[in-house]
Protein backbone atom coordinates (compact mmCIF):
# COMPACT_ATOMS: atom_id res chain seq x y z
CA MET A 1 7.30 -4.97 -12.32
CA LYS A 2 10.72 -3.69 -11.31
CA SER A 3 12.98 -6.02 -9.35
CA ILE A 4 15.53 -5.51 -6.58
CA THR A 5 18.44 -7.89 -6.01
CA ILE A 6 19.28 -8.96 -2.45
CA ASN A 7 22.65 -10.66 -1.94
CA GLY A 8 22.54 -13.08 0.97
CA SER A 9 24.11 -16.08 2.64
CA GLN A 10 22.23 -19.31 3.18
CA ARG A 11 21.80 -20.21 6.84
CA GLU A 12 22.61 -23.67 8.11
CA SER A 13 21.63 -22.96 11.71
CA VAL A 14 18.30 -21.26 12.48
CA GLY A 15 18.26 -21.42 16.28
CA LYS A 16 17.82 -18.48 18.65
CA VAL A 17 21.53 -18.20 19.40
CA SER A 18 22.59 -17.96 15.77
CA THR A 19 19.70 -15.59 14.99
CA LYS A 20 20.74 -13.25 17.81
CA ALA A 21 24.35 -13.33 16.60
CA LEU A 22 23.23 -12.37 13.09
CA ARG A 23 21.24 -9.39 14.35
CA ASN A 24 24.15 -8.23 16.52
CA ALA A 25 26.29 -8.26 13.37
CA GLY A 26 23.82 -6.05 11.49
CA MET A 27 22.35 -8.92 9.51
CA VAL A 28 18.66 -9.77 9.03
CA PRO A 29 17.49 -13.40 9.24
CA CYS A 30 15.09 -14.25 6.39
CA VAL A 31 13.15 -17.20 5.02
CA VAL A 32 11.66 -17.95 1.60
CA TYR A 33 8.46 -20.01 1.50
CA GLY A 34 6.51 -21.38 -1.45
CA GLY A 35 9.03 -23.80 -2.93
CA ASP A 36 9.66 -27.47 -2.19
CA LYS A 37 11.16 -26.47 1.13
CA ALA A 38 11.79 -23.29 3.08
CA VAL A 39 15.09 -21.56 2.35
CA HIS A 40 16.71 -19.71 5.26
CA PHE A 41 19.24 -16.96 4.57
CA SER A 42 20.58 -13.70 5.96
CA ALA A 43 21.54 -10.37 4.43
CA ALA A 44 22.81 -7.00 5.61
CA GLU A 45 20.04 -4.74 6.90
CA LEU A 46 21.08 -1.96 4.50
CA ALA A 47 20.36 -4.30 1.58
CA PHE A 48 16.63 -4.00 2.28
CA SER A 49 16.38 -0.18 2.34
CA LYS A 50 15.10 0.15 -1.25
CA LEU A 51 12.63 -2.67 -0.71
CA VAL A 52 11.18 -1.80 2.68
CA TYR A 53 11.35 1.98 3.00
CA THR A 54 9.50 2.86 -0.20
CA PRO A 55 5.86 3.22 -1.27
CA ASN A 56 6.66 1.35 -4.51
CA ALA A 57 6.14 -2.35 -5.11
CA HIS A 58 8.98 -4.59 -6.25
CA THR A 59 9.72 -8.22 -6.85
CA VAL A 60 12.98 -9.53 -5.41
CA VAL A 61 15.86 -11.56 -6.80
CA ILE A 62 17.56 -13.34 -3.89
CA ALA A 63 21.12 -14.22 -4.89
CA LEU A 64 22.74 -16.57 -2.38
CA ASP A 65 26.45 -17.16 -1.91
CA ASN A 66 26.07 -20.82 -2.90
CA GLY A 67 24.99 -19.82 -6.40
CA THR A 68 21.25 -20.28 -5.83
CA THR A 69 18.96 -17.56 -7.23
CA LEU A 70 15.31 -17.23 -6.18
CA ASN A 71 12.60 -14.90 -7.45
CA ALA A 72 10.28 -13.78 -4.67
CA ILE A 73 8.05 -11.10 -3.18
CA LEU A 74 8.09 -9.71 0.35
CA GLN A 75 5.42 -11.48 2.38
CA ASP A 76 5.88 -10.24 5.95
CA ILE A 77 8.31 -8.14 7.94
CA GLN A 78 8.89 -7.76 11.68
CA PHE A 79 10.32 -4.62 13.27
CA HIS A 80 11.73 -4.07 16.76
CA PRO A 81 9.00 -2.25 18.77
CA VAL A 82 11.44 0.37 20.09
CA SER A 83 14.32 0.77 17.65
CA ASP A 84 12.33 -0.07 14.46
CA LYS A 85 15.23 -2.23 13.31
CA ILE A 86 14.26 -5.06 10.98
CA LEU A 87 14.08 -8.30 12.98
CA HIS A 88 12.94 -10.81 10.38
CA ILE A 89 11.59 -10.95 6.82
CA ASP A 90 9.45 -13.61 5.15
CA PHE A 91 9.50 -13.94 1.36
CA TYR A 92 7.28 -15.95 -0.96
CA GLN A 93 8.91 -17.64 -3.93
CA LEU A 94 7.62 -16.80 -7.41
CA PHE A 95 6.99 -19.25 -10.24
CA ASP A 96 6.11 -18.16 -13.78
CA ASP A 97 2.98 -20.33 -13.90
CA LYS A 98 1.69 -19.70 -10.38
CA GLU A 99 -0.43 -16.68 -9.41
CA VAL A 100 0.48 -14.66 -6.30
CA SER A 101 -1.23 -11.94 -4.28
CA MET A 102 0.46 -8.61 -3.72
CA ASN A 103 -0.36 -5.08 -2.52
CA ILE A 104 0.06 -2.58 -5.38
CA PRO A 105 0.31 1.20 -4.80
CA VAL A 106 -2.34 3.53 -6.23
CA ASN A 107 -1.04 6.54 -8.17
CA ILE A 108 -3.40 9.50 -8.41
CA ILE A 109 -3.27 11.45 -11.69
CA GLY A 110 -5.25 14.42 -13.02
CA SER A 111 -6.96 17.36 -11.34
CA ALA A 112 -10.42 16.85 -9.89
CA PRO A 113 -12.97 19.59 -10.79
CA GLY A 114 -14.54 19.05 -7.38
CA VAL A 115 -11.32 20.08 -5.65
CA MET A 116 -11.10 23.26 -7.73
CA ALA A 117 -14.71 23.95 -6.67
CA GLY A 118 -13.74 23.79 -3.00
CA GLY A 119 -13.94 20.08 -2.23
CA VAL A 120 -11.28 17.84 -0.70
CA LEU A 121 -9.80 14.79 -2.40
CA SER A 122 -9.74 11.74 -0.11
CA ARG A 123 -7.45 8.81 -0.91
CA ASN A 124 -9.36 5.96 0.69
CA GLN A 125 -7.05 3.21 -0.60
CA ARG A 126 -3.34 3.90 -1.09
CA LYS A 127 -2.76 0.26 -2.08
CA LEU A 128 -4.93 -2.39 -3.68
CA ARG A 129 -4.37 -6.12 -3.38
CA VAL A 130 -4.27 -8.02 -6.67
CA ARG A 131 -3.74 -11.62 -7.75
CA ALA A 132 -1.79 -12.30 -10.93
CA LEU A 133 0.97 -14.29 -12.57
CA PRO A 134 4.35 -12.71 -11.73
CA ALA A 135 4.78 -11.37 -15.28
CA ASN A 136 1.43 -9.55 -15.02
CA LEU A 137 2.00 -7.81 -11.68
CA PRO A 138 1.67 -4.04 -12.30
CA ASP A 139 4.08 -1.45 -10.86
CA PHE A 140 1.08 0.65 -9.78
CA ILE A 141 -2.65 1.18 -10.29
CA GLU A 142 -3.40 4.48 -12.02
CA ALA A 143 -6.42 6.37 -10.66
CA ASN A 144 -7.48 9.30 -12.85
CA VAL A 145 -9.54 11.79 -10.83
CA SER A 146 -10.11 14.25 -13.72
CA GLU A 147 -13.86 13.51 -13.77
CA LEU A 148 -14.51 13.71 -10.03
CA ASN A 149 -16.87 16.45 -8.88
CA ILE A 150 -17.91 17.05 -5.27
CA GLY A 151 -19.60 13.86 -4.10
CA SER A 152 -18.09 11.72 -6.88
CA LYS A 153 -15.90 8.68 -6.26
CA LEU A 154 -13.80 6.00 -7.96
CA VAL A 155 -14.42 2.37 -6.99
CA VAL A 156 -12.44 -0.80 -7.61
CA SER A 157 -14.74 -2.02 -10.40
CA GLU A 158 -13.58 0.91 -12.55
CA PHE A 159 -10.02 -0.47 -12.60
CA ALA A 160 -10.89 -3.91 -13.98
CA ASN A 161 -7.96 -5.40 -15.92
CA GLU A 162 -7.65 -8.72 -17.75
CA ASN A 163 -4.08 -9.21 -16.52
CA TYR A 164 -4.91 -9.32 -12.81
CA THR A 165 -7.77 -9.72 -10.37
CA PHE A 166 -8.58 -7.33 -7.51
CA LEU A 167 -9.16 -9.00 -4.15
CA GLN A 168 -11.18 -6.15 -2.66
CA PRO A 169 -14.96 -5.92 -3.23
CA GLU A 170 -15.86 -4.12 -6.48
CA ASN A 171 -17.59 -1.30 -4.58
CA THR A 172 -14.50 -0.46 -2.47
CA VAL A 173 -13.92 3.31 -2.72
CA VAL A 174 -10.42 4.17 -3.93
CA ALA A 175 -10.71 7.97 -4.09
CA GLN A 176 -13.49 10.52 -3.72
CA VAL A 177 -14.10 14.25 -3.48
CA ARG A 178 -15.81 15.35 -0.28
CA VAL A 179 -17.21 18.69 0.82
CA SER A 180 -14.48 20.49 2.77
CA ARG A 181 -14.95 21.08 6.50
CA ALA A 182 -14.78 24.83 5.97
CA ALA A 183 -17.53 24.70 3.33
CA MET A 184 -19.63 22.39 5.52
CA LYS A 185 -19.27 24.70 8.51
CA ALA A 186 -20.16 27.75 6.39
CA ALA A 187 -23.30 25.98 5.16
CA GLN A 188 -24.27 25.02 8.72
CA ASP A 189 -23.73 28.59 9.95
CA GLU A 190 -25.80 29.92 7.08
CA ALA A 191 -28.60 27.46 7.83
CA LYS A 192 -28.56 28.47 11.51
CA ALA A 193 -28.68 32.16 10.58
CA GLU A 194 -31.66 31.58 8.28
CA ALA A 195 -33.44 29.55 10.95
CA ASN A 196 -32.90 32.30 13.54
CA SER A 197 -34.13 35.00 11.17
CA ASP A 198 -37.33 33.04 10.51
CA SER A 199 -38.06 32.43 14.21
CA PRO A 200 -40.92 34.29 16.02
CA ALA A 201 -38.45 35.89 18.43
CA ALA A 202 -36.55 37.39 15.51
CA GLU A 203 -39.80 38.77 14.05
CA VAL A 204 -40.77 40.38 17.37
CA ALA A 205 -37.32 41.93 17.69
CA ALA A 206 -37.65 43.31 14.18
CA GLU A 207 -40.96 45.03 15.13
């Protein structure tokens, strides 16, 4: 999995006053869990743009000004309810021999025959949660829809991989081809027209 480096400064004070001062200076207070003890640091808000505002998944290298380097993944993020500015970020430290859970994006490839026949492709899951060792975390899950006809679907069990484990139930639908609303309405209208033509009132009118 691709990695993004975040350059930060370790925080000695984590109180409300210092946190507010950091935010006023355009910095984001952060914490890394998972190690022997939590590590508090701050970094410029712009440093997180490629990590937060993207559909892709990345691991993170946190390089602190005291020379400490930590490998981690984004665990949780808080935004301001009005301005959408980043208020706080939680990270989880990675270790080579310890499995972690992470949301991985689903990439759709191929052309579904059902769509070409008038159906609509529904992406039920844009991300899937997997558990794996850091070295086995995939950049994305590839979902090939080339065999999907109208009414067909892809479920999690079809993406089984020995390098990682899916945390959703095996029957979770990832993508499927549904009948389009236009086609459904046309079928309903046709059924109504046939029903009306077969009714006694229609037969009397015909006479």
